[in-house]
Amino acid sequence: MASEAKLKANEKYLKEKVDTFQIRVPKGQKAMIQEHAKSLGKSLNAYVVDLITFDMQSNNLNSHKS
């Protein structure tokens, strides 16, 4: 188990360096998405962030083609 100091350091890092948001999916879908992410060698978080980043970059590139 992590020490009190480590827990405080983690909490400070998360507060200062990352934003958090929650998404909701139908029951059972989280496990399916996690398994798919795992099959790609990614965590659920990394998979979702990568998808969002890719979509935003793709849409940005497509918007400049007009």
PDB file of N, CA and C in Angstrom:
ATOM      1  N   MET A   1       0.838  -1.177   0.000  1.00  0.00           N
ATOM      2  CA  MET A   1       0.000   0.000   0.000  1.00  0.00           C
ATOM      3  C   MET A   1       0.885   1.243   0.000  1.00  0.00           C
ATOM      4  N   ALA A   2       0.416   2.282  -0.671  1.00  0.00           N
ATOM      5  CA  ALA A   2       1.196   3.513  -0.796  1.00  0.00           C
ATOM      6  C   ALA A   2       1.235   4.278   0.521  1.00  0.00           C
ATOM      7  N   SER A   3       2.336   4.950   0.722  1.00  0.00           N
ATOM      8  CA  SER A   3       2.492   5.756   1.943  1.00  0.00           C
ATOM      9  C   SER A   3       1.614   7.003   1.857  1.00  0.00           C
ATOM     10  N   GLU A   4       1.415   7.620   2.982  1.00  0.00           N
ATOM     11  CA  GLU A   4       0.635   8.865   3.047  1.00  0.00           C
ATOM     12  C   GLU A   4       1.272   9.942   2.161  1.00  0.00           C
ATOM     13  N   ALA A   5       2.601  10.031   2.191  1.00  0.00           N
ATOM     14  CA  ALA A   5       3.316  11.023   1.377  1.00  0.00           C
ATOM     15  C   ALA A   5       3.090  10.776  -0.112  1.00  0.00           C
ATOM     16  N   LYS A   6       3.130   9.514  -0.525  1.00  0.00           N
ATOM     17  CA  LYS A   6       2.914   9.174  -1.931  1.00  0.00           C
ATOM     18  C   LYS A   6       1.498   9.524  -2.359  1.00  0.00           C
ATOM     19  N   LEU A   7       0.517   9.231  -1.510  1.00  0.00           N
ATOM     20  CA  LEU A   7      -0.872   9.555  -1.829  1.00  0.00           C
ATOM     21  C   LEU A   7      -1.061  11.066  -1.975  1.00  0.00           C
ATOM     22  N   LYS A   8      -0.433  11.833  -1.092  1.00  0.00           N
ATOM     23  CA  LYS A   8      -0.523  13.291  -1.174  1.00  0.00           C
ATOM     24  C   LYS A   8       0.156  13.814  -2.438  1.00  0.00           C
ATOM     25  N   ALA A   9       1.292  13.239  -2.777  1.00  0.00           N
ATOM     26  CA  ALA A   9       2.006  13.649  -3.993  1.00  0.00           C
ATOM     27  C   ALA A   9       1.172  13.348  -5.233  1.00  0.00           C
ATOM     28  N   ASN A  10       0.538  12.175  -5.265  1.00  0.00           N
ATOM     29  CA  ASN A  10      -0.323  11.810  -6.391  1.00  0.00           C
ATOM     30  C   ASN A  10      -1.494  12.776  -6.507  1.00  0.00           C
ATOM     31  N   GLU A  11      -2.120  13.080  -5.384  1.00  0.00           N
ATOM     32  CA  GLU A  11      -3.258  13.990  -5.368  1.00  0.00           C
ATOM     33  C   GLU A  11      -2.855  15.377  -5.872  1.00  0.00           C
ATOM     34  N   LYS A  12      -1.692  15.857  -5.428  1.00  0.00           N
ATOM     35  CA  LYS A  12      -1.198  17.164  -5.865  1.00  0.00           C
ATOM     36  C   LYS A  12      -0.943  17.167  -7.371  1.00  0.00           C
ATOM     37  N   TYR A  13      -0.291  16.119  -7.868  1.00  0.00           N
ATOM     38  CA  TYR A  13      -0.008  16.017  -9.296  1.00  0.00           C
ATOM     39  C   TYR A  13      -1.304  16.049 -10.102  1.00  0.00           C
ATOM     40  N   LEU A  14      -2.280  15.242  -9.708  1.00  0.00           N
ATOM     41  CA  LEU A  14      -3.538  15.186 -10.437  1.00  0.00           C
ATOM     42  C   LEU A  14      -4.258  16.531 -10.416  1.00  0.00           C
ATOM     43  N   LYS A  15      -4.207  17.206  -9.307  1.00  0.00           N
ATOM     44  CA  LYS A  15      -4.867  18.501  -9.176  1.00  0.00           C
ATOM     45  C   LYS A  15      -4.212  19.553 -10.075  1.00  0.00           C
ATOM     46  N   GLU A  16      -2.899  19.510 -10.183  1.00  0.00           N
ATOM     47  CA  GLU A  16      -2.157  20.533 -10.927  1.00  0.00           C
ATOM     48  C   GLU A  16      -1.971  20.230 -12.411  1.00  0.00           C
ATOM     49  N   LYS A  17      -1.909  18.953 -12.771  1.00  0.00           N
ATOM     50  CA  LYS A  17      -1.470  18.598 -14.122  1.00  0.00           C
ATOM     51  C   LYS A  17      -2.535  18.001 -15.044  1.00  0.00           C
ATOM     52  N   VAL A  18      -3.642  17.536 -14.504  1.00  0.00           N
ATOM     53  CA  VAL A  18      -4.628  16.892 -15.371  1.00  0.00           C
ATOM     54  C   VAL A  18      -6.033  17.400 -15.081  1.00  0.00           C
ATOM     55  N   ASP A  19      -6.853  17.403 -16.124  1.00  0.00           N
ATOM     56  CA  ASP A  19      -8.281  17.652 -15.984  1.00  0.00           C
ATOM     57  C   ASP A  19      -8.983  16.311 -16.026  1.00  0.00           C
ATOM     58  N   THR A  20     -10.108  16.246 -15.373  1.00  0.00           N
ATOM     59  CA  THR A  20     -10.871  15.004 -15.313  1.00  0.00           C
ATOM     60  C   THR A  20     -12.292  15.259 -15.802  1.00  0.00           C
ATOM     61  N   PHE A  21     -12.817  14.321 -16.564  1.00  0.00           N
ATOM     62  CA  PHE A  21     -14.237  14.363 -16.887  1.00  0.00           C
ATOM     63  C   PHE A  21     -14.753  12.941 -16.928  1.00  0.00           C
ATOM     64  N   GLN A  22     -16.040  12.810 -16.748  1.00  0.00           N
ATOM     65  CA  GLN A  22     -16.657  11.492 -16.660  1.00  0.00           C
ATOM     66  C   GLN A  22     -17.514  11.259 -17.897  1.00  0.00           C
ATOM     67  N   ILE A  23     -17.466  10.048 -18.406  1.00  0.00           N
ATOM     68  CA  ILE A  23     -18.367   9.675 -19.491  1.00  0.00           C
ATOM     69  C   ILE A  23     -19.199   8.489 -19.024  1.00  0.00           C
ATOM     70  N   ARG A  24     -20.364   8.373 -19.591  1.00  0.00           N
ATOM     71  CA  ARG A  24     -21.261   7.264 -19.236  1.00  0.00           C
ATOM     72  C   ARG A  24     -21.538   6.435 -20.485  1.00  0.00           C
ATOM     73  N   VAL A  25     -21.504   5.129 -20.309  1.00  0.00           N
ATOM     74  CA  VAL A  25     -21.808   4.198 -21.390  1.00  0.00           C
ATOM     75  C   VAL A  25     -22.829   3.190 -20.871  1.00  0.00           C
ATOM     76  N   PRO A  26     -23.558   2.551 -21.774  1.00  0.00           N
ATOM     77  CA  PRO A  26     -24.523   1.544 -21.326  1.00  0.00           C
ATOM     78  C   PRO A  26     -23.827   0.421 -20.545  1.00  0.00           C
ATOM     79  N   LYS A  27     -24.565  -0.157 -19.594  1.00  0.00           N
ATOM     80  CA  LYS A  27     -24.041  -1.264 -18.781  1.00  0.00           C
ATOM     81  C   LYS A  27     -23.396  -2.310 -19.666  1.00  0.00           C
ATOM     82  N   GLY A  28     -22.222  -2.744 -19.283  1.00  0.00           N
ATOM     83  CA  GLY A  28     -21.510  -3.791 -20.003  1.00  0.00           C
ATOM     84  C   GLY A  28     -20.580  -3.275 -21.080  1.00  0.00           C
ATOM     85  N   GLN A  29     -20.832  -2.069 -21.561  1.00  0.00           N
ATOM     86  CA  GLN A  29     -20.006  -1.546 -22.648  1.00  0.00           C
ATOM     87  C   GLN A  29     -18.617  -1.138 -22.159  1.00  0.00           C
ATOM     88  N   LYS A  30     -18.511  -0.699 -20.915  1.00  0.00           N
ATOM     89  CA  LYS A  30     -17.201  -0.314 -20.380  1.00  0.00           C
ATOM     90  C   LYS A  30     -16.224  -1.488 -20.465  1.00  0.00           C
ATOM     91  N   ALA A  31     -16.679  -2.661 -20.052  1.00  0.00           N
ATOM     92  CA  ALA A  31     -15.811  -3.842 -20.087  1.00  0.00           C
ATOM     93  C   ALA A  31     -15.390  -4.169 -21.519  1.00  0.00           C
ATOM     94  N   MET A  32     -16.311  -4.020 -22.455  1.00  0.00           N
ATOM     95  CA  MET A  32     -15.989  -4.290 -23.859  1.00  0.00           C
ATOM     96  C   MET A  32     -14.948  -3.299 -24.371  1.00  0.00           C
ATOM     97  N   ILE A  33     -15.110  -2.034 -24.023  1.00  0.00           N
ATOM     98  CA  ILE A  33     -14.163  -1.010 -24.462  1.00  0.00           C
ATOM     99  C   ILE A  33     -12.803  -1.242 -23.815  1.00  0.00           C
ATOM    100  N   GLN A  34     -12.801  -1.589 -22.527  1.00  0.00           N
ATOM    101  CA  GLN A  34     -11.541  -1.872 -21.835  1.00  0.00           C
ATOM    102  C   GLN A  34     -10.805  -3.031 -22.492  1.00  0.00           C
ATOM    103  N   GLU A  35     -11.520  -4.081 -22.831  1.00  0.00           N
ATOM    104  CA  GLU A  35     -10.890  -5.237 -23.482  1.00  0.00           C
ATOM    105  C   GLU A  35     -10.306  -4.857 -24.835  1.00  0.00           C
ATOM    106  N   HIS A  36     -11.041  -4.045 -25.585  1.00  0.00           N
ATOM    107  CA  HIS A  36     -10.543  -3.610 -26.886  1.00  0.00           C
ATOM    108  C   HIS A  36      -9.283  -2.762 -26.712  1.00  0.00           C
ATOM    109  N   ALA A  37      -9.323  -1.833 -25.767  1.00  0.00           N
ATOM    110  CA  ALA A  37      -8.141  -1.003 -25.491  1.00  0.00           C
ATOM    111  C   ALA A  37      -6.961  -1.882 -25.101  1.00  0.00           C
ATOM    112  N   LYS A  38      -7.222  -2.856 -24.241  1.00  0.00           N
ATOM    113  CA  LYS A  38      -6.160  -3.774 -23.798  1.00  0.00           C
ATOM    114  C   LYS A  38      -5.573  -4.537 -24.990  1.00  0.00           C
ATOM    115  N   SER A  39      -6.434  -4.936 -25.931  1.00  0.00           N
ATOM    116  CA  SER A  39      -5.947  -5.663 -27.107  1.00  0.00           C
ATOM    117  C   SER A  39      -5.041  -4.793 -27.970  1.00  0.00           C
ATOM    118  N   LEU A  40      -5.186  -3.478 -27.822  1.00  0.00           N
ATOM    119  CA  LEU A  40      -4.336  -2.535 -28.549  1.00  0.00           C
ATOM    120  C   LEU A  40      -3.120  -2.118 -27.733  1.00  0.00           C
ATOM    121  N   GLY A  41      -3.009  -2.690 -26.530  1.00  0.00           N
ATOM    122  CA  GLY A  41      -1.883  -2.362 -25.654  1.00  0.00           C
ATOM    123  C   GLY A  41      -2.036  -1.010 -24.969  1.00  0.00           C
ATOM    124  N   LYS A  42      -3.292  -0.576 -24.782  1.00  0.00           N
ATOM    125  CA  LYS A  42      -3.546   0.730 -24.180  1.00  0.00           C
ATOM    126  C   LYS A  42      -4.457   0.588 -22.967  1.00  0.00           C
ATOM    127  N   SER A  43      -4.348   1.562 -22.093  1.00  0.00           N
ATOM    128  CA  SER A  43      -5.310   1.652 -20.997  1.00  0.00           C
ATOM    129  C   SER A  43      -6.603   2.234 -21.567  1.00  0.00           C
ATOM    130  N   LEU A  44      -7.676   2.109 -20.823  1.00  0.00           N
ATOM    131  CA  LEU A  44      -8.942   2.696 -21.254  1.00  0.00           C
ATOM    132  C   LEU A  44      -8.778   4.200 -21.438  1.00  0.00           C
ATOM    133  N   ASN A  45      -8.128   4.846 -20.493  1.00  0.00           N
ATOM    134  CA  ASN A  45      -7.924   6.291 -20.582  1.00  0.00           C
ATOM    135  C   ASN A  45      -7.115   6.661 -21.827  1.00  0.00           C
ATOM    136  N   ALA A  46      -6.001   5.981 -22.054  1.00  0.00           N
ATOM    137  CA  ALA A  46      -5.162   6.289 -23.215  1.00  0.00           C
ATOM    138  C   ALA A  46      -5.937   6.074 -24.513  1.00  0.00           C
ATOM    139  N   TYR A  47      -6.733   5.022 -24.560  1.00  0.00           N
ATOM    140  CA  TYR A  47      -7.529   4.726 -25.754  1.00  0.00           C
ATOM    141  C   TYR A  47      -8.522   5.853 -26.044  1.00  0.00           C
ATOM    142  N   VAL A  48      -9.246   6.282 -25.027  1.00  0.00           N
ATOM    143  CA  VAL A  48     -10.240   7.338 -25.210  1.00  0.00           C
ATOM    144  C   VAL A  48      -9.561   8.656 -25.605  1.00  0.00           C
ATOM    145  N   VAL A  49      -8.475   8.998 -24.926  1.00  0.00           N
ATOM    146  CA  VAL A  49      -7.759  10.235 -25.251  1.00  0.00           C
ATOM    147  C   VAL A  49      -7.232  10.177 -26.682  1.00  0.00           C
ATOM    148  N   ASP A  50      -6.678   9.045 -27.083  1.00  0.00           N
ATOM    149  CA  ASP A  50      -6.181   8.901 -28.454  1.00  0.00           C
ATOM    150  C   ASP A  50      -7.299   9.055 -29.481  1.00  0.00           C
ATOM    151  N   LEU A  51      -8.455   8.466 -29.220  1.00  0.00           N
ATOM    152  CA  LEU A  51      -9.588   8.590 -30.140  1.00  0.00           C
ATOM    153  C   LEU A  51     -10.041  10.036 -30.270  1.00  0.00           C
ATOM    154  N   ILE A  52     -10.152  10.721 -29.152  1.00  0.00           N
ATOM    155  CA  ILE A  52     -10.581  12.125 -29.174  1.00  0.00           C
ATOM    156  C   ILE A  52      -9.556  12.975 -29.914  1.00  0.00           C
ATOM    157  N   THR A  53      -8.287  12.773 -29.618  1.00  0.00           N
ATOM    158  CA  THR A  53      -7.224  13.543 -30.267  1.00  0.00           C
ATOM    159  C   THR A  53      -7.230  13.304 -31.770  1.00  0.00           C
ATOM    160  N   PHE A  54      -7.336  12.032 -32.180  1.00  0.00           N
ATOM    161  CA  PHE A  54      -7.373  11.695 -33.604  1.00  0.00           C
ATOM    162  C   PHE A  54      -8.562  12.351 -34.289  1.00  0.00           C
ATOM    163  N   ASP A  55      -9.729  12.284 -33.658  1.00  0.00           N
ATOM    164  CA  ASP A  55     -10.939  12.876 -34.233  1.00  0.00           C
ATOM    165  C   ASP A  55     -10.792  14.386 -34.377  1.00  0.00           C
ATOM    166  N   MET A  56     -10.262  15.027 -33.361  1.00  0.00           N
ATOM    167  CA  MET A  56     -10.090  16.473 -33.418  1.00  0.00           C
ATOM    168  C   MET A  56      -9.088  16.865 -34.507  1.00  0.00           C
ATOM    169  N   GLN A  57      -8.002  16.119 -34.620  1.00  0.00           N
ATOM    170  CA  GLN A  57      -7.003  16.410 -35.654  1.00  0.00           C
ATOM    171  C   GLN A  57      -7.584  16.160 -37.043  1.00  0.00           C
ATOM    172  N   SER A  58      -8.326  15.086 -37.201  1.00  0.00           N
ATOM    173  CA  SER A  58      -8.933  14.770 -38.492  1.00  0.00           C
ATOM    174  C   SER A  58      -9.932  15.835 -38.900  1.00  0.00           C
ATOM    175  N   ASN A  59     -10.761  16.268 -37.968  1.00  0.00           N
ATOM    176  CA  ASN A  59     -11.745  17.292 -38.271  1.00  0.00           C
ATOM    177  C   ASN A  59     -11.078  18.635 -38.557  1.00  0.00           C
ATOM    178  N   ASN A  60     -10.002  18.928 -37.875  1.00  0.00           N
ATOM    179  CA  ASN A  60      -9.275  20.163 -38.108  1.00  0.00           C
ATOM    180  C   ASN A  60      -8.660  20.158 -39.503  1.00  0.00           C
ATOM    181  N   LEU A  61      -8.067  19.039 -39.893  1.00  0.00           N
ATOM    182  CA  LEU A  61      -7.481  18.931 -41.233  1.00  0.00           C
ATOM    183  C   LEU A  61      -8.571  19.029 -42.299  1.00  0.00           C
ATOM    184  N   ASN A  62      -9.702  18.367 -42.075  1.00  0.00           N
ATOM    185  CA  ASN A  62     -10.790  18.380 -43.044  1.00  0.00           C
ATOM    186  C   ASN A  62     -11.416  19.761 -43.176  1.00  0.00           C
ATOM    187  N   SER A  63     -11.444  20.536 -42.116  1.00  0.00           N
ATOM    188  CA  SER A  63     -12.060  21.854 -42.174  1.00  0.00           C
ATOM    189  C   SER A  63     -11.216  22.837 -42.992  1.00  0.00           C
ATOM    190  N   HIS A  64      -9.928  22.552 -43.155  1.00  0.00           N
ATOM    191  CA  HIS A  64      -9.050  23.429 -43.933  1.00  0.00           C
ATOM    192  C   HIS A  64      -9.035  23.082 -45.415  1.00  0.00           C
ATOM    193  N   LYS A  65      -9.709  22.006 -45.811  1.00  0.00           N
ATOM    194  CA  LYS A  65      -9.707  21.580 -47.211  1.00  0.00           C
ATOM    195  C   LYS A  65     -10.745  22.333 -48.037  1.00  0.00           C
ATOM    196  N   SER A  66     -11.687  23.018 -47.431  1.00  0.00           N
ATOM    197  CA  SER A  66     -12.754  23.700 -48.194  1.00  0.00           C
ATOM    198  C   SER A  66     -12.267  24.921 -48.895  1.00  0.00           C
TER     199      SER A  66
END
